[in-house]
Amino acid sequence: MQLFKDYTFDAAHFLPYVPEDHKCRRMHGHTYRVRLCLEGPLDPKLGWVRDFADIKKYWKPLEERLDHHLINDIPGLENPTAEHIAIWIYRQLKPDLQELAYVELYETPRSGVRYSGELEN
């Protein structure tokens, strides 16, 4: 069974390593949408993979670090591409949410990434 929970946060960033004339080199902002997808067996008694309230509990501290902040100032996100942000979120949550299968991060309604721990091996 897979379950998911979606969140949003607003933040500014800039990409320091793109060419000087690239529009993303300048500071700009996004309303990011994050989808946290968990996968595992149904608890036979409770009937769920994980309580949605647990997911929110682990997401909330990350949201407070990201929302209405300059993402470049967060350690580990100095080059905050969508890919790096998704990896960072995954690595922050995986120790507490072992069922975490992947993180999707949408930078715009039509552009995003999915990370499922491939770089953790």
N, C-alpha and C. Protein backbone atom coordinates (compact mmCIF):
# COMPACT_ATOMS: atom_id res chain seq x y z
N MET A 1 0.86 -1.17 0.00
CA MET A 1 0.00 0.00 0.00
C MET A 1 0.90 1.23 0.00
N GLN A 2 0.53 2.21 -0.78
CA GLN A 2 1.20 3.50 -0.77
C GLN A 2 0.23 4.55 -0.27
N LEU A 3 0.73 5.47 0.50
CA LEU A 3 -0.07 6.61 0.91
C LEU A 3 0.77 7.85 0.70
N PHE A 4 0.11 8.98 0.58
CA PHE A 4 0.86 10.22 0.38
C PHE A 4 0.20 11.36 1.12
N LYS A 5 1.02 12.36 1.39
CA LYS A 5 0.57 13.58 2.04
C LYS A 5 1.26 14.74 1.33
N ASP A 6 0.49 15.75 0.97
CA ASP A 6 1.01 16.91 0.25
C ASP A 6 1.10 18.12 1.17
N TYR A 7 2.15 18.89 0.96
CA TYR A 7 2.37 20.13 1.72
C TYR A 7 2.85 21.19 0.75
N THR A 8 2.77 22.44 1.16
CA THR A 8 3.34 23.54 0.39
C THR A 8 4.17 24.42 1.31
N PHE A 9 5.11 25.11 0.70
CA PHE A 9 5.86 26.15 1.40
C PHE A 9 6.31 27.17 0.37
N ASP A 10 6.48 28.39 0.82
CA ASP A 10 6.95 29.48 -0.03
C ASP A 10 8.37 29.83 0.39
N ALA A 11 9.25 29.95 -0.60
CA ALA A 11 10.63 30.26 -0.26
C ALA A 11 11.33 30.91 -1.45
N ALA A 12 12.40 31.61 -1.13
CA ALA A 12 13.25 32.22 -2.15
C ALA A 12 14.52 31.39 -2.30
N HIS A 13 15.11 31.48 -3.48
CA HIS A 13 16.41 30.86 -3.72
C HIS A 13 17.04 31.47 -4.96
N PHE A 14 18.28 31.12 -5.17
CA PHE A 14 18.97 31.44 -6.41
C PHE A 14 19.94 30.31 -6.67
N LEU A 15 20.29 30.11 -7.92
CA LEU A 15 21.21 29.03 -8.28
C LEU A 15 22.58 29.64 -8.57
N PRO A 16 23.54 29.43 -7.66
CA PRO A 16 24.81 30.13 -7.76
C PRO A 16 25.75 29.64 -8.86
N TYR A 17 25.49 28.46 -9.43
CA TYR A 17 26.45 27.88 -10.38
C TYR A 17 26.00 27.92 -11.82
N VAL A 18 24.83 28.47 -12.08
CA VAL A 18 24.40 28.62 -13.48
C VAL A 18 25.11 29.83 -14.06
N PRO A 19 25.12 29.97 -15.40
CA PRO A 19 25.79 31.13 -16.00
C PRO A 19 25.22 32.45 -15.49
N GLU A 20 26.06 33.47 -15.49
CA GLU A 20 25.69 34.79 -14.98
C GLU A 20 24.40 35.33 -15.59
N ASP A 21 24.15 35.04 -16.87
CA ASP A 21 22.97 35.59 -17.53
C ASP A 21 21.73 34.70 -17.42
N HIS A 22 21.82 33.60 -16.69
CA HIS A 22 20.67 32.71 -16.51
C HIS A 22 19.70 33.33 -15.51
N LYS A 23 18.41 33.30 -15.82
CA LYS A 23 17.42 33.96 -14.95
C LYS A 23 17.40 33.39 -13.53
N CYS A 24 17.75 32.14 -13.36
CA CYS A 24 17.72 31.53 -12.02
C CYS A 24 18.93 31.90 -11.17
N ARG A 25 19.87 32.62 -11.76
CA ARG A 25 21.01 33.12 -10.99
C ARG A 25 20.56 34.24 -10.05
N ARG A 26 19.49 34.94 -10.47
CA ARG A 26 18.94 36.01 -9.63
C ARG A 26 18.01 35.41 -8.59
N MET A 27 17.94 36.05 -7.43
CA MET A 27 17.04 35.58 -6.38
C MET A 27 15.59 35.66 -6.88
N HIS A 28 14.85 34.62 -6.61
CA HIS A 28 13.44 34.55 -6.97
C HIS A 28 12.74 33.57 -6.03
N GLY A 29 11.44 33.48 -6.13
CA GLY A 29 10.71 32.64 -5.20
C GLY A 29 9.76 31.69 -5.90
N HIS A 30 9.35 30.68 -5.14
CA HIS A 30 8.40 29.68 -5.62
C HIS A 30 7.44 29.33 -4.49
N THR A 31 6.28 28.88 -4.87
CA THR A 31 5.42 28.16 -3.95
C THR A 31 5.65 26.69 -4.29
N TYR A 32 6.43 26.04 -3.45
CA TYR A 32 6.77 24.64 -3.66
C TYR A 32 5.65 23.75 -3.16
N ARG A 33 5.43 22.64 -3.86
CA ARG A 33 4.52 21.60 -3.36
C ARG A 33 5.35 20.35 -3.15
N VAL A 34 5.20 19.76 -1.99
CA VAL A 34 5.93 18.56 -1.62
C VAL A 34 4.93 17.43 -1.45
N ARG A 35 5.22 16.30 -2.05
CA ARG A 35 4.43 15.10 -1.83
C ARG A 35 5.35 14.07 -1.17
N LEU A 36 4.95 13.62 0.01
CA LEU A 36 5.68 12.58 0.72
C LEU A 36 4.89 11.29 0.53
N CYS A 37 5.52 10.32 -0.09
CA CYS A 37 4.86 9.04 -0.35
C CYS A 37 5.49 7.96 0.51
N LEU A 38 4.67 7.27 1.28
CA LEU A 38 5.11 6.18 2.13
C LEU A 38 4.56 4.88 1.57
N GLU A 39 5.29 3.80 1.80
CA GLU A 39 4.89 2.50 1.28
C GLU A 39 5.16 1.44 2.34
N GLY A 40 4.21 0.55 2.52
CA GLY A 40 4.40 -0.54 3.47
C GLY A 40 3.13 -1.34 3.63
N PRO A 41 3.20 -2.34 4.49
CA PRO A 41 2.02 -3.17 4.72
C PRO A 41 1.02 -2.45 5.61
N LEU A 42 -0.22 -2.82 5.46
CA LEU A 42 -1.27 -2.30 6.34
C LEU A 42 -1.12 -2.94 7.71
N ASP A 43 -1.18 -2.13 8.73
CA ASP A 43 -1.24 -2.68 10.09
C ASP A 43 -2.56 -3.43 10.20
N PRO A 44 -2.52 -4.71 10.57
CA PRO A 44 -3.76 -5.50 10.56
C PRO A 44 -4.82 -5.00 11.55
N LYS A 45 -4.39 -4.37 12.62
CA LYS A 45 -5.36 -3.88 13.59
C LYS A 45 -5.81 -2.46 13.26
N LEU A 46 -4.84 -1.57 12.98
CA LEU A 46 -5.17 -0.15 12.75
C LEU A 46 -5.68 0.11 11.34
N GLY A 47 -5.25 -0.72 10.39
CA GLY A 47 -5.72 -0.55 9.02
C GLY A 47 -5.03 0.52 8.23
N TRP A 48 -3.82 0.92 8.64
CA TRP A 48 -3.08 1.92 7.89
C TRP A 48 -1.60 1.57 7.83
N VAL A 49 -0.89 2.24 6.94
CA VAL A 49 0.56 2.10 6.83
C VAL A 49 1.23 2.96 7.89
N ARG A 50 0.77 4.18 8.01
CA ARG A 50 1.29 5.13 8.99
C ARG A 50 0.22 6.18 9.24
N ASP A 51 0.11 6.62 10.46
CA ASP A 51 -0.85 7.67 10.81
C ASP A 51 -0.45 8.96 10.09
N PHE A 52 -1.42 9.59 9.40
CA PHE A 52 -1.14 10.87 8.73
C PHE A 52 -0.62 11.91 9.72
N ALA A 53 -1.05 11.83 10.97
CA ALA A 53 -0.58 12.78 11.98
C ALA A 53 0.91 12.61 12.25
N ASP A 54 1.43 11.39 12.14
CA ASP A 54 2.87 11.15 12.29
C ASP A 54 3.65 11.84 11.18
N ILE A 55 3.15 11.75 9.97
CA ILE A 55 3.83 12.38 8.83
C ILE A 55 3.90 13.88 9.06
N LYS A 56 2.78 14.47 9.46
CA LYS A 56 2.75 15.91 9.73
C LYS A 56 3.73 16.28 10.83
N LYS A 57 3.81 15.46 11.87
CA LYS A 57 4.71 15.74 12.99
C LYS A 57 6.17 15.82 12.52
N TYR A 58 6.57 14.95 11.62
CA TYR A 58 7.95 14.95 11.14
C TYR A 58 8.18 16.02 10.06
N TRP A 59 7.14 16.36 9.31
CA TRP A 59 7.27 17.39 8.29
C TRP A 59 7.36 18.78 8.89
N LYS A 60 6.62 19.04 9.95
CA LYS A 60 6.47 20.40 10.50
C LYS A 60 7.82 21.10 10.77
N PRO A 61 8.80 20.44 11.41
CA PRO A 61 10.08 21.13 11.64
C PRO A 61 10.80 21.51 10.33
N LEU A 62 10.65 20.69 9.29
CA LEU A 62 11.25 21.03 8.01
C LEU A 62 10.54 22.22 7.39
N GLU A 63 9.23 22.21 7.47
CA GLU A 63 8.45 23.33 6.94
C GLU A 63 8.87 24.64 7.61
N GLU A 64 9.09 24.60 8.91
CA GLU A 64 9.50 25.81 9.63
C GLU A 64 10.88 26.30 9.17
N ARG A 65 11.75 25.37 8.77
CA ARG A 65 13.08 25.76 8.29
C ARG A 65 13.03 26.31 6.86
N LEU A 66 12.06 25.85 6.07
CA LEU A 66 12.00 26.21 4.66
C LEU A 66 11.06 27.38 4.37
N ASP A 67 9.91 27.41 4.99
CA ASP A 67 8.87 28.35 4.63
C ASP A 67 9.27 29.80 4.91
N HIS A 68 9.17 30.64 3.87
CA HIS A 68 9.50 32.06 3.94
C HIS A 68 10.94 32.31 4.38
N HIS A 69 11.83 31.46 3.86
CA HIS A 69 13.27 31.63 4.10
C HIS A 69 14.00 31.62 2.77
N LEU A 70 15.23 32.07 2.79
CA LEU A 70 16.13 31.94 1.65
C LEU A 70 16.77 30.56 1.77
N ILE A 71 16.40 29.67 0.88
CA ILE A 71 16.83 28.27 0.98
C ILE A 71 18.35 28.15 0.94
N ASN A 72 19.02 29.01 0.19
CA ASN A 72 20.48 28.95 0.11
C ASN A 72 21.16 29.06 1.47
N ASP A 73 20.50 29.64 2.46
CA ASP A 73 21.08 29.80 3.80
C ASP A 73 21.00 28.54 4.65
N ILE A 74 20.30 27.52 4.19
CA ILE A 74 20.15 26.28 4.97
C ILE A 74 21.34 25.38 4.67
N PRO A 75 22.06 24.93 5.70
CA PRO A 75 23.20 24.04 5.47
C PRO A 75 22.79 22.81 4.65
N GLY A 76 23.57 22.57 3.60
CA GLY A 76 23.28 21.46 2.70
C GLY A 76 22.48 21.88 1.48
N LEU A 77 21.98 23.11 1.48
CA LEU A 77 21.17 23.59 0.35
C LEU A 77 21.77 24.86 -0.26
N GLU A 78 23.05 24.94 -0.27
CA GLU A 78 23.71 26.11 -0.83
C GLU A 78 23.49 26.23 -2.35
N ASN A 79 23.25 25.10 -3.01
CA ASN A 79 22.90 25.07 -4.44
C ASN A 79 21.51 24.44 -4.55
N PRO A 80 20.46 25.21 -4.23
CA PRO A 80 19.14 24.65 -4.04
C PRO A 80 18.33 24.40 -5.32
N THR A 81 18.83 23.49 -6.14
CA THR A 81 18.03 23.04 -7.27
C THR A 81 16.87 22.22 -6.72
N ALA A 82 15.86 22.00 -7.53
CA ALA A 82 14.74 21.15 -7.09
C ALA A 82 15.26 19.77 -6.71
N GLU A 83 16.24 19.28 -7.46
CA GLU A 83 16.81 17.96 -7.17
C GLU A 83 17.45 17.93 -5.79
N HIS A 84 18.26 18.95 -5.49
CA HIS A 84 18.93 18.97 -4.19
C HIS A 84 17.94 19.16 -3.03
N ILE A 85 16.91 19.94 -3.25
CA ILE A 85 15.91 20.14 -2.19
C ILE A 85 15.18 18.82 -1.91
N ALA A 86 14.80 18.10 -2.95
CA ALA A 86 14.12 16.81 -2.77
C ALA A 86 15.01 15.81 -2.02
N ILE A 87 16.28 15.75 -2.39
CA ILE A 87 17.22 14.85 -1.70
C ILE A 87 17.34 15.25 -0.24
N TRP A 88 17.47 16.55 0.01
CA TRP A 88 17.61 17.05 1.38
C TRP A 88 16.39 16.68 2.21
N ILE A 89 15.20 16.89 1.69
CA ILE A 89 13.98 16.54 2.42
C ILE A 89 13.94 15.04 2.71
N TYR A 90 14.25 14.24 1.71
CA TYR A 90 14.26 12.78 1.88
C TYR A 90 15.21 12.38 3.01
N ARG A 91 16.41 12.92 2.97
CA ARG A 91 17.41 12.55 3.99
C ARG A 91 17.02 13.03 5.38
N GLN A 92 16.33 14.15 5.47
CA GLN A 92 15.88 14.64 6.78
C GLN A 92 14.79 13.74 7.36
N LEU A 93 13.90 13.22 6.51
CA LEU A 93 12.73 12.48 6.98
C LEU A 93 12.93 10.98 7.10
N LYS A 94 13.77 10.41 6.28
CA LYS A 94 13.91 8.95 6.21
C LYS A 94 14.22 8.30 7.56
N PRO A 95 15.09 8.86 8.41
CA PRO A 95 15.36 8.19 9.70
C PRO A 95 14.11 8.00 10.56
N ASP A 96 13.17 8.93 10.51
CA ASP A 96 11.96 8.83 11.33
C ASP A 96 10.78 8.21 10.59
N LEU A 97 10.80 8.30 9.27
CA LEU A 97 9.73 7.73 8.45
C LEU A 97 10.34 6.65 7.57
N GLN A 98 10.61 5.50 8.16
CA GLN A 98 11.26 4.41 7.43
C GLN A 98 10.45 3.97 6.22
N GLU A 99 9.15 4.19 6.26
CA GLU A 99 8.29 3.80 5.13
C GLU A 99 8.37 4.77 3.96
N LEU A 100 9.12 5.87 4.11
CA LEU A 100 9.20 6.87 3.05
C LEU A 100 9.74 6.23 1.78
N ALA A 101 8.92 6.23 0.74
CA ALA A 101 9.31 5.63 -0.54
C ALA A 101 9.93 6.67 -1.46
N TYR A 102 9.33 7.87 -1.49
CA TYR A 102 9.90 8.92 -2.31
C TYR A 102 9.36 10.28 -1.89
N VAL A 103 10.07 11.31 -2.35
CA VAL A 103 9.67 12.70 -2.18
C VAL A 103 9.50 13.28 -3.57
N GLU A 104 8.36 13.89 -3.82
CA GLU A 104 8.17 14.67 -5.03
C GLU A 104 8.20 16.14 -4.63
N LEU A 105 8.89 16.93 -5.42
CA LEU A 105 8.95 18.37 -5.17
C LEU A 105 8.60 19.08 -6.46
N TYR A 106 7.54 19.89 -6.40
CA TYR A 106 7.12 20.69 -7.54
C TYR A 106 7.56 22.12 -7.30
N GLU A 107 8.35 22.64 -8.25
CA GLU A 107 8.80 24.03 -8.18
C GLU A 107 7.74 24.95 -8.79
N THR A 108 7.04 24.44 -9.76
CA THR A 108 5.90 25.11 -10.37
C THR A 108 4.81 24.05 -10.53
N PRO A 109 3.61 24.43 -10.89
CA PRO A 109 2.56 23.42 -11.06
C PRO A 109 2.89 22.36 -12.12
N ARG A 110 3.80 22.68 -13.05
CA ARG A 110 4.10 21.74 -14.14
C ARG A 110 5.54 21.24 -14.15
N SER A 111 6.34 21.60 -13.15
CA SER A 111 7.75 21.19 -13.15
C SER A 111 8.14 20.68 -11.77
N GLY A 112 8.73 19.50 -11.76
CA GLY A 112 9.14 18.95 -10.48
C GLY A 112 10.06 17.76 -10.62
N VAL A 113 10.41 17.19 -9.49
CA VAL A 113 11.31 16.05 -9.43
C VAL A 113 10.76 15.02 -8.45
N ARG A 114 11.26 13.79 -8.59
CA ARG A 114 10.93 12.72 -7.64
C ARG A 114 12.25 12.07 -7.22
N TYR A 115 12.42 11.90 -5.92
CA TYR A 115 13.62 11.25 -5.40
C TYR A 115 13.21 10.13 -4.45
N SER A 116 13.81 8.96 -4.69
CA SER A 116 13.45 7.79 -3.88
C SER A 116 14.65 7.12 -3.21
N GLY A 117 15.69 7.89 -2.94
CA GLY A 117 16.81 7.35 -2.18
C GLY A 117 17.90 6.68 -3.01
N GLU A 118 17.85 6.85 -4.32
CA GLU A 118 18.82 6.18 -5.18
C GLU A 118 20.27 6.51 -4.81
N LEU A 119 20.52 7.69 -4.30
CA LEU A 119 21.88 8.11 -4.00
C LEU A 119 22.33 7.69 -2.59
N GLU A 120 21.48 6.97 -1.89
CA GLU A 120 21.79 6.61 -0.50
C GLU A 120 22.65 5.37 -0.41
N ASN A 121 22.81 4.63 -1.50
CA ASN A 121 23.60 3.37 -1.46
C ASN A 121 25.07 3.63 -1.66
